Protein backbone atom coordinates (compact mmCIF):
# COMPACT_ATOMS: atom_id res chain seq x y z
CA MET A 1 -26.00 26.95 18.70
CA ARG A 2 -27.03 24.10 16.26
CA LYS A 3 -24.33 22.86 14.05
CA LEU A 4 -24.94 22.79 10.30
CA SER A 5 -23.49 20.57 7.83
CA ILE A 6 -21.52 22.30 5.08
CA VAL A 7 -24.60 21.44 2.66
CA ALA A 8 -26.89 23.31 4.75
CA LEU A 9 -24.28 26.06 5.23
CA ALA A 10 -25.20 27.05 1.51
CA ALA A 11 -28.87 27.55 2.46
CA ALA A 12 -28.20 29.18 5.53
CA SER A 13 -25.64 31.56 3.79
CA ALA A 14 -28.26 32.42 1.28
CA LEU A 15 -30.79 33.47 3.71
CA ALA A 16 -28.38 35.43 5.70
CA LEU A 17 -27.24 37.21 2.84
CA ALA A 18 -30.48 38.00 1.20
CA GLY A 19 -30.96 41.60 0.14
CA CYS A 20 -27.24 42.28 0.51
CA ALA A 21 -24.40 42.11 -2.08
CA THR A 22 -21.03 40.13 -1.33
CA GLU A 23 -19.06 42.36 -3.49
CA ALA A 24 -15.99 44.27 -2.42
CA PRO A 25 -17.24 46.54 0.26
CA VAL A 26 -18.08 50.46 0.02
CA ALA A 27 -16.65 52.97 2.18
CA GLU A 28 -17.59 52.98 5.77
CA GLU A 29 -17.06 55.70 8.63
CA VAL A 30 -16.73 53.56 11.63
CA THR A 31 -15.27 54.10 15.20
CA GLY A 32 -15.55 51.59 18.00
CA ALA A 33 -15.67 48.50 16.01
CA GLU A 34 -13.86 45.31 17.26
CA ILE A 35 -12.67 43.24 14.27
CA ARG A 36 -12.39 39.56 15.29
CA VAL A 37 -9.81 37.68 13.31
CA TRP A 38 -9.67 33.87 13.79
CA LEU A 39 -6.10 32.14 13.24
CA VAL A 40 -5.58 28.52 13.43
CA GLY A 41 -3.24 26.74 15.75
CA THR A 42 0.01 28.17 16.66
CA ASP A 43 1.82 28.46 13.19
CA THR A 44 1.34 32.23 12.93
CA PRO A 45 4.04 33.63 15.12
CA GLN A 46 3.73 36.18 17.91
CA GLU A 47 5.63 38.85 16.07
CA ALA A 48 3.20 38.71 13.18
CA ARG A 49 0.07 38.68 15.63
CA ASP A 50 1.50 41.60 17.41
CA TYR A 51 2.15 43.56 14.15
CA LEU A 52 -1.31 42.89 12.84
CA VAL A 53 -3.08 44.14 15.83
CA GLU A 54 -0.86 47.22 16.16
CA THR A 55 -0.92 48.16 12.58
CA PHE A 56 -4.62 47.82 12.16
CA ALA A 57 -4.94 50.23 15.24
CA GLU A 58 -2.75 52.90 13.56
CA GLU A 59 -4.32 52.46 10.31
CA ASN A 60 -8.07 52.44 11.79
CA PRO A 61 -8.03 55.00 14.63
CA GLY A 62 -10.73 54.37 16.94
CA ASN A 63 -11.33 50.64 16.07
CA THR A 64 -9.59 47.59 17.48
CA LEU A 65 -8.68 43.87 16.25
CA VAL A 66 -8.51 41.02 18.22
CA ILE A 67 -7.20 37.56 17.52
CA GLU A 68 -9.10 34.45 18.43
CA GLU A 69 -7.05 31.21 18.16
CA GLN A 70 -8.76 28.22 16.84
CA ALA A 71 -7.86 24.51 16.76
CA TRP A 72 -7.53 22.57 13.46
CA GLY A 73 -9.68 19.75 15.02
CA GLY A 74 -13.18 20.45 14.34
CA LEU A 75 -12.45 23.67 12.35
CA VAL A 76 -14.65 22.87 9.72
CA ASP A 77 -17.80 22.37 11.85
CA LYS A 78 -17.05 25.61 13.96
CA LEU A 79 -16.74 27.53 10.69
CA THR A 80 -20.02 26.03 9.22
CA THR A 81 -22.00 27.21 12.35
CA ASN A 82 -20.21 30.58 12.94
CA LEU A 83 -20.06 31.96 9.42
CA SER A 84 -23.63 31.56 8.98
CA GLY A 85 -24.63 33.28 12.04
CA SER A 86 -25.13 36.93 13.23
CA ASP A 87 -22.06 36.44 15.71
CA SER A 88 -19.57 35.79 12.80
CA PRO A 89 -16.02 36.51 13.02
CA ASP A 90 -14.97 38.90 10.48
CA VAL A 91 -11.50 37.62 8.93
CA VAL A 92 -11.01 33.74 9.10
CA GLU A 93 -7.99 31.30 8.37
CA VAL A 94 -9.18 28.11 6.55
CA GLY A 95 -6.97 25.05 5.36
CA ASN A 96 -6.35 25.51 1.64
CA THR A 97 -8.26 22.25 1.17
CA GLN A 98 -11.22 23.27 3.22
CA ALA A 99 -11.49 26.63 1.30
CA ALA A 100 -13.70 25.32 -1.72
CA ALA A 101 -16.58 24.15 0.93
CA PHE A 102 -17.08 27.74 2.01
CA THR A 103 -16.35 29.84 -1.19
CA SER A 104 -19.00 27.45 -2.87
CA ALA A 105 -21.55 28.22 -0.02
CA GLY A 106 -21.33 32.00 -0.28
CA ALA A 107 -19.64 32.18 3.24
CA PHE A 108 -17.02 34.53 2.06
CA LEU A 109 -17.04 38.13 0.68
CA ASP A 110 -16.35 38.32 -2.94
CA LEU A 111 -12.80 40.26 -3.19
CA SER A 112 -12.45 40.19 -6.79
CA ASP A 113 -12.22 43.75 -7.21
CA GLU A 114 -9.46 43.81 -4.27
CA TYR A 115 -7.39 41.21 -6.19
CA GLU A 116 -4.59 43.37 -7.41
CA ALA A 117 -4.45 45.43 -4.38
CA LEU A 118 -3.86 42.37 -2.39
CA GLY A 119 -1.22 41.15 -4.40
CA GLY A 120 -2.62 40.15 -8.06
CA ASP A 121 -0.31 38.05 -9.56
CA ASP A 122 2.37 37.83 -7.05
CA LEU A 123 -0.07 35.64 -4.82
CA LEU A 124 0.69 31.94 -4.86
CA PRO A 125 -1.33 30.82 -7.94
CA GLY A 126 -2.39 27.32 -6.50
CA PHE A 127 -3.93 29.06 -3.41
CA VAL A 128 -5.44 31.66 -5.32
CA GLU A 129 -7.17 28.62 -7.32
CA ALA A 130 -8.22 27.13 -4.22
CA GLY A 131 -9.91 30.35 -2.89
CA SER A 132 -11.75 31.17 -6.16
CA TYR A 133 -15.04 29.69 -7.14
CA ASP A 134 -17.17 30.25 -10.25
CA GLY A 135 -14.92 32.93 -11.68
CA ALA A 136 -14.62 34.99 -8.51
CA PHE A 137 -11.95 35.45 -5.78
CA TYR A 138 -13.02 34.97 -2.15
CA ALA A 139 -10.30 33.67 -0.10
CA ALA A 140 -6.43 34.89 -0.57
CA PRO A 141 -3.40 32.75 0.19
CA TYR A 142 -2.14 33.06 3.55
CA TYR A 143 0.89 30.93 3.59
CA SER A 144 2.05 27.50 2.10
CA GLY A 145 4.57 25.08 3.37
CA ALA A 146 5.53 21.53 2.09
CA ARG A 147 6.44 18.77 4.31
CA VAL A 148 10.19 18.22 4.73
CA VAL A 149 12.10 15.31 6.74
CA PHE A 150 13.56 16.24 10.22
CA TYR A 151 16.12 13.98 11.54
CA ASP A 152 18.56 13.26 14.41
CA THR A 153 22.08 13.60 12.98
CA ALA A 154 23.51 11.83 16.05
CA MET A 155 21.31 8.84 15.54
CA TYR A 156 22.17 8.53 11.99
CA GLU A 157 25.60 8.62 12.60
CA ALA A 158 25.56 6.24 15.41
CA ALA A 159 23.81 3.55 12.94
CA GLY A 160 26.20 4.50 10.13
CA LEU A 161 23.41 5.68 7.99
CA SER A 162 23.43 8.30 4.89
CA VAL A 163 20.81 10.62 3.88
CA PRO A 164 18.50 8.49 1.74
CA THR A 165 18.07 9.33 -1.93
CA THR A 166 14.99 7.27 -2.82
CA LEU A 167 11.53 6.46 -0.88
CA ASP A 168 12.75 2.72 -0.20
CA GLU A 169 16.04 3.95 1.34
CA TYR A 170 14.22 6.29 3.68
CA ILE A 171 11.94 3.52 4.76
CA SER A 172 14.89 1.07 5.14
CA ASN A 173 16.75 3.80 7.16
CA GLY A 174 13.68 4.16 9.41
CA VAL A 175 13.38 0.37 10.12
CA ALA A 176 17.18 0.25 10.88
CA LEU A 177 17.09 3.28 13.23
CA ALA A 178 13.96 1.59 15.03
CA GLU A 179 15.97 -1.67 15.34
CA ALA A 180 18.73 0.09 16.71
CA ASN A 181 17.03 2.35 19.27
CA PRO A 182 14.44 0.16 21.06
CA GLY A 183 11.14 2.49 21.82
CA VAL A 184 12.34 5.18 19.35
CA SER A 185 10.41 5.85 15.95
CA GLY A 186 12.81 5.46 13.00
CA ILE A 187 9.79 7.23 11.24
CA TYR A 188 7.34 8.69 13.43
CA PHE A 189 4.02 7.94 12.15
CA PRO A 190 1.02 8.07 14.24
CA GLY A 191 -2.23 6.30 12.73
CA GLN A 192 -4.23 9.53 12.17
CA ASP A 193 -1.49 11.22 10.07
CA TRP A 194 -3.04 11.05 6.62
CA TYR A 195 -1.12 14.15 5.47
CA ASN A 196 2.12 12.03 5.40
CA ALA A 197 0.44 8.92 4.00
CA LEU A 198 -0.12 10.65 0.87
CA PRO A 199 3.22 10.66 -0.65
CA TYR A 200 3.41 6.91 -0.52
CA ILE A 201 0.10 6.84 -2.59
CA TRP A 202 1.41 9.47 -5.16
CA GLU A 203 4.78 8.26 -5.60
CA ASN A 204 3.33 4.67 -6.54
CA GLY A 205 1.15 6.24 -9.16
CA GLY A 206 -2.08 6.16 -7.17
CA GLU A 207 -4.58 9.13 -6.31
CA ILE A 208 -6.88 9.83 -3.80
CA ALA A 209 -9.81 10.46 -6.28
CA THR A 210 -9.89 11.62 -9.74
CA PHE A 211 -12.78 13.58 -11.78
CA GLU A 212 -13.95 11.46 -14.57
CA ASN A 213 -17.10 11.80 -16.83
CA GLY A 214 -18.55 14.08 -14.31
CA GLU A 215 -18.11 12.48 -10.93
CA TRP A 216 -15.29 11.84 -8.58
CA VAL A 217 -13.71 8.37 -8.76
CA PRO A 218 -12.00 7.43 -5.45
CA GLY A 219 -8.55 5.67 -5.80
CA PHE A 220 -7.23 4.13 -2.75
CA SER A 221 -8.09 0.51 -4.00
CA THR A 222 -6.22 0.74 -7.38
CA PRO A 223 -3.13 -1.48 -7.63
CA GLU A 224 -0.95 1.67 -7.37
CA SER A 225 -2.40 2.96 -4.38
CA ILE A 226 -2.44 -0.49 -2.79
CA ALA A 227 1.42 -0.55 -3.19
CA GLY A 228 1.71 2.77 -1.39
CA LEU A 229 -0.47 1.53 1.46
CA GLU A 230 1.49 -1.73 2.08
CA GLN A 231 4.62 0.60 2.13
CA ILE A 232 2.61 2.62 4.67
CA GLN A 233 1.72 -0.36 6.90
CA ASN A 234 5.22 -1.28 6.68
CA VAL A 235 6.53 1.84 8.04
CA MET A 236 3.70 1.99 10.83
CA THR A 237 4.50 -1.65 11.89
CA ASN A 238 8.28 -2.03 11.49
CA ALA A 239 9.43 1.83 11.94
CA SER A 240 7.17 3.81 14.01
CA ALA A 241 6.46 3.53 17.71
CA ALA A 242 3.92 6.36 17.60
CA PRO A 243 0.40 5.55 19.06
CA GLU A 244 -1.48 3.58 16.35
CA ASP A 245 -4.47 5.78 17.11
CA GLY A 246 -2.53 9.19 17.72
CA ASN A 247 -2.26 12.38 15.55
CA GLU A 248 0.70 14.19 14.61
CA ALA A 249 -0.01 17.38 16.85
CA GLU A 250 2.82 18.36 19.16
CA ALA A 251 5.43 15.98 17.88
CA GLN A 252 8.16 18.15 18.91
CA VAL A 253 7.47 16.63 22.59
CA PRO A 254 8.52 13.01 21.70
CA TYR A 255 11.24 14.55 19.54
CA CYS A 256 12.71 16.46 22.21
CA ALA A 257 12.32 13.43 24.43
CA GLY A 258 14.91 11.68 22.21
CA GLN A 259 11.86 9.26 20.97
CA ILE A 260 12.00 10.07 17.22
CA ALA A 261 14.91 9.54 14.71
CA GLN A 262 12.98 10.63 11.65
CA LEU A 263 9.83 12.44 10.85
CA SER A 264 8.10 14.19 8.37
CA ALA A 265 6.55 17.46 9.19
CA PRO A 266 5.63 20.85 7.77
CA SER A 267 8.38 23.34 7.43
CA TRP A 268 7.74 25.54 10.02
CA PHE A 269 7.86 22.32 12.50
CA LYS A 270 11.65 23.31 12.88
CA TRP A 271 10.57 26.40 15.07
CA SER A 272 8.39 24.12 17.36
CA ILE A 273 11.57 21.88 17.95
CA LEU A 274 13.67 25.06 18.74
CA ALA A 275 10.94 26.93 20.85
CA PRO A 276 12.65 28.10 24.12
CA ALA A 277 11.92 25.93 27.14
CA ASP A 278 9.67 28.71 28.60
CA ALA A 279 7.43 28.85 25.58
CA ASP A 280 3.56 28.07 25.91
CA ALA A 281 4.70 24.87 23.82
CA PRO A 282 8.38 24.38 24.76
CA GLY A 283 10.79 22.62 22.46
CA CYS A 284 14.41 21.75 22.96
CA PRO A 285 16.57 24.50 21.37
CA ASP A 286 19.53 22.44 22.79
CA LYS A 287 19.22 19.95 19.68
CA GLU A 288 19.77 22.30 17.28
CA GLU A 289 23.31 21.26 16.26
CA SER A 290 21.76 17.73 15.79
CA LEU A 291 18.83 18.60 13.93
CA GLY A 292 19.12 17.71 10.06
CA VAL A 293 16.48 18.16 7.52
CA PHE A 294 15.91 16.93 3.71
CA ALA A 295 13.31 16.80 1.35
CA LEU A 296 11.36 13.33 1.34
CA PRO A 297 12.94 11.40 -1.61
CA GLY A 298 10.79 9.94 -4.39
CA MET A 299 10.33 6.51 -5.73
CA ASP A 300 13.21 7.06 -8.44
CA GLY A 301 15.13 9.71 -6.78
CA GLY A 302 14.35 13.66 -6.65
CA ALA A 303 11.93 15.17 -4.31
CA ALA A 304 8.65 13.00 -3.63
CA ALA A 305 5.25 14.59 -4.28
CA VAL A 306 4.16 15.90 -0.75
CA PHE A 307 1.11 17.45 0.76
CA ALA A 308 1.08 21.06 0.00
CA GLY A 309 0.02 22.36 3.18
CA GLY A 310 -0.93 26.02 4.13
CA SER A 311 -3.94 28.15 4.61
CA ASN A 312 -6.25 30.79 2.94
CA ILE A 313 -7.67 33.91 4.54
CA ALA A 314 -11.11 35.30 3.69
CA VAL A 315 -13.75 37.92 5.08
CA SER A 316 -16.96 36.65 6.28
CA ALA A 317 -19.85 37.60 4.03
CA ASN A 318 -21.48 38.31 7.23
CA SER A 319 -19.02 40.50 8.92
CA ALA A 320 -20.79 43.74 10.27
CA TYR A 321 -17.64 45.89 9.03
CA PRO A 322 -16.51 44.49 5.62
CA GLU A 323 -14.33 47.31 4.83
CA LEU A 324 -12.26 47.11 8.05
CA ALA A 325 -12.23 43.49 7.81
CA THR A 326 -10.62 43.86 4.33
CA SER A 327 -8.20 46.46 5.73
CA ALA A 328 -7.03 43.82 8.39
CA LEU A 329 -6.71 41.09 5.27
CA ALA A 330 -4.60 43.62 3.51
CA ILE A 331 -2.20 44.02 6.50
CA MET A 332 -1.88 40.01 6.59
CA LEU A 333 -0.66 40.05 2.86
CA SER A 334 1.38 42.99 3.08
CA GLU A 335 5.22 42.57 2.55
CA GLU A 336 6.09 43.52 6.07
CA TYR A 337 3.63 40.93 7.41
CA GLN A 338 4.66 38.16 5.03
CA THR A 339 8.37 38.73 5.78
CA ILE A 340 7.60 37.79 9.16
CA LEU A 341 5.94 34.58 8.26
CA GLY A 342 8.91 33.77 6.05
CA GLY A 343 11.21 34.30 8.68
CA ALA A 344 9.36 31.51 10.48
CA GLY A 345 9.79 29.05 8.05
CA LEU A 346 6.36 29.57 6.48
CA VAL A 347 6.33 30.18 2.39
CA PRO A 348 4.89 33.56 2.16
CA ALA A 349 1.70 34.15 0.15
CA LEU A 350 3.74 36.48 -2.11
CA THR A 351 5.88 34.70 -4.53
CA SER A 352 8.40 37.59 -4.58
CA LEU A 353 9.08 37.13 -0.99
CA GLY A 354 10.19 33.50 -1.39
CA ASP A 355 13.81 34.00 -0.35
CA THR A 356 12.61 35.29 3.10
CA ILE A 357 12.58 31.67 4.43
CA GLY A 358 16.31 31.66 4.17
CA THR A 359 19.16 29.81 2.40
CA ASP A 360 20.23 27.30 4.98
CA ALA A 361 19.69 23.76 4.64
CA THR A 362 16.04 23.82 5.86
CA ALA A 363 15.14 26.42 3.17
CA GLN A 364 16.52 24.13 0.61
CA ALA A 365 14.59 21.37 1.71
CA ILE A 366 11.66 23.25 1.67
CA SER A 367 12.19 24.72 -1.94
CA ALA A 368 12.89 20.98 -3.16
CA ALA A 369 9.57 19.95 -1.59
CA ALA A 370 7.54 22.59 -2.62
CA SER A 371 8.65 22.11 -6.29
CA ASN A 372 6.62 18.60 -6.39
CA ALA A 373 3.85 19.37 -3.86
CA LYS A 374 0.39 18.41 -4.49
CA LEU A 375 -3.26 19.14 -3.13
CA THR A 376 -6.35 17.01 -2.19
CA PRO A 377 -9.31 16.66 -4.73
CA ALA A 378 -10.61 19.90 -5.89
CA SER A 379 -14.21 19.20 -4.81
CA PRO A 380 -16.27 21.74 -2.82
CA ASN A 381 -17.32 18.39 -0.63
CA TRP A 382 -13.66 17.54 0.02
CA ALA A 383 -13.85 19.30 3.47
CA GLU A 384 -16.62 16.94 4.49
CA VAL A 385 -14.31 14.22 4.07
CA GLU A 386 -11.85 15.90 6.43
CA ALA A 387 -14.40 17.00 8.86
CA ALA A 388 -15.81 13.31 9.06
CA GLY A 389 -12.42 12.01 10.02
CA VAL A 390 -12.69 9.61 6.99
CA LEU A 391 -8.86 9.16 6.17
CA GLN A 392 -7.96 9.48 9.94
CA ASP A 393 -9.99 6.42 10.64
CA PHE A 394 -8.79 4.53 7.58
CA PHE A 395 -4.98 5.09 8.45
CA VAL A 396 -5.69 4.28 12.04
CA LYS A 397 -7.00 0.86 10.91
CA ILE A 398 -4.06 0.20 8.75
CA ALA A 399 -1.89 0.93 11.55
CA GLN A 400 -3.73 -1.48 13.74
CA GLY A 401 -2.82 -4.22 11.08
CA GLY A 402 -6.07 -4.37 9.15
CA ASP A 403 -6.53 -5.83 5.54
CA VAL A 404 -5.12 -3.14 3.29
CA ALA A 405 -7.28 -4.08 0.09
CA THR A 406 -10.65 -4.53 2.37
CA LEU A 407 -9.92 -1.21 4.08
CA ALA A 408 -9.22 0.40 0.67
CA ALA A 409 -12.31 -0.59 -1.00
CA GLU A 410 -14.31 0.62 2.26
CA VAL A 411 -12.91 3.94 2.27
CA ASP A 412 -13.16 4.47 -1.48
CA ALA A 413 -16.96 3.76 -1.02
CA ARG A 414 -17.29 6.33 1.74
CA ILE A 415 -15.20 9.13 -0.22
CA GLY A 416 -17.48 8.34 -3.31
CA GLU A 417 -20.61 9.03 -1.34
CA ILE A 418 -19.31 12.18 0.01
CA LEU A 419 -17.75 13.64 -3.04
CA ASN A 420 -20.71 12.49 -5.38
CA PRO A 421 -23.87 13.34 -3.24
């Protein structure tokens, strides 16, 4: 099937939806239907997946639900193609920064009438905003999570280091750990990992882009952002042994191999490290006693501004069974299901369940980090920046030693073209 650009998705969706409404569905009497749910990556624990499949079957006799796991890489293109076709999945997970591209294009069912039933004001407000467009509610929060720092306490102790209280201390600790442990990343920072680059920009007073006088103004080439980029290049050069062109996927592998002293990762990464040896993606549960965690510190102390990761969930406007699909989505937002997510280190979509992530050091770090988390620019075109790999390419070039100011000017020009078509 031909891939459509996100811009073309709007036109395709309009044609596909001609003559049919996208409001909340009317009651339907259906048996023998198969509801397809796209979940992305392995973050949703198996217990939650099983609960969804089994509960859906109990609540909708004669119908079944299947989960089709997708990869984050290339997700925007795949959603763009499939949501506009006749073989669309029924329920989809989408990154919170990607949601606006699809809500603005009419790719999702309007769930405004279901807002209260799905959680109402108990839903994470920032993710409700990310899933809304032009006054309508299209994509509900699924889970959230801020990045925290996981570290090897044994390496810290051997180097005589203390948990840092400022960003500069975090960086100097990383350099010291790398020098004391040849071949080990004092701060694991593969070149494509733009998520973990953003705090350095924000803590120095920079921004990705700001909306001014009716257009988006990219900000990587400002003096504040340049200062953050220089810190990033220092970390990549002097503290990280990660591949300059690598990504952050499956970082538990080098961590378990003893090749990482510190890394910033989503809160749920703890369960990747501690996954049993016979898991599909095995971890190293024997390292639990030496696994420490803290919130990334800011320039002046306190928690740094970190990227607010997480997902939204939505019903495809082209679902053949919109009521059944909405029923599946409601299960995913139920207290039972969201409690399972909380137990796996994912911040639940329901704010009232925030304490389900626990009260240990990891939960405290998550809470501190989430209190100062930020999102990418709220532009419907932002997903194209991600899909084109603009930031990944930019930070790979920084990792390879490129001139920061020149690269910043180039990436600003590219982002400006995409956000202001």
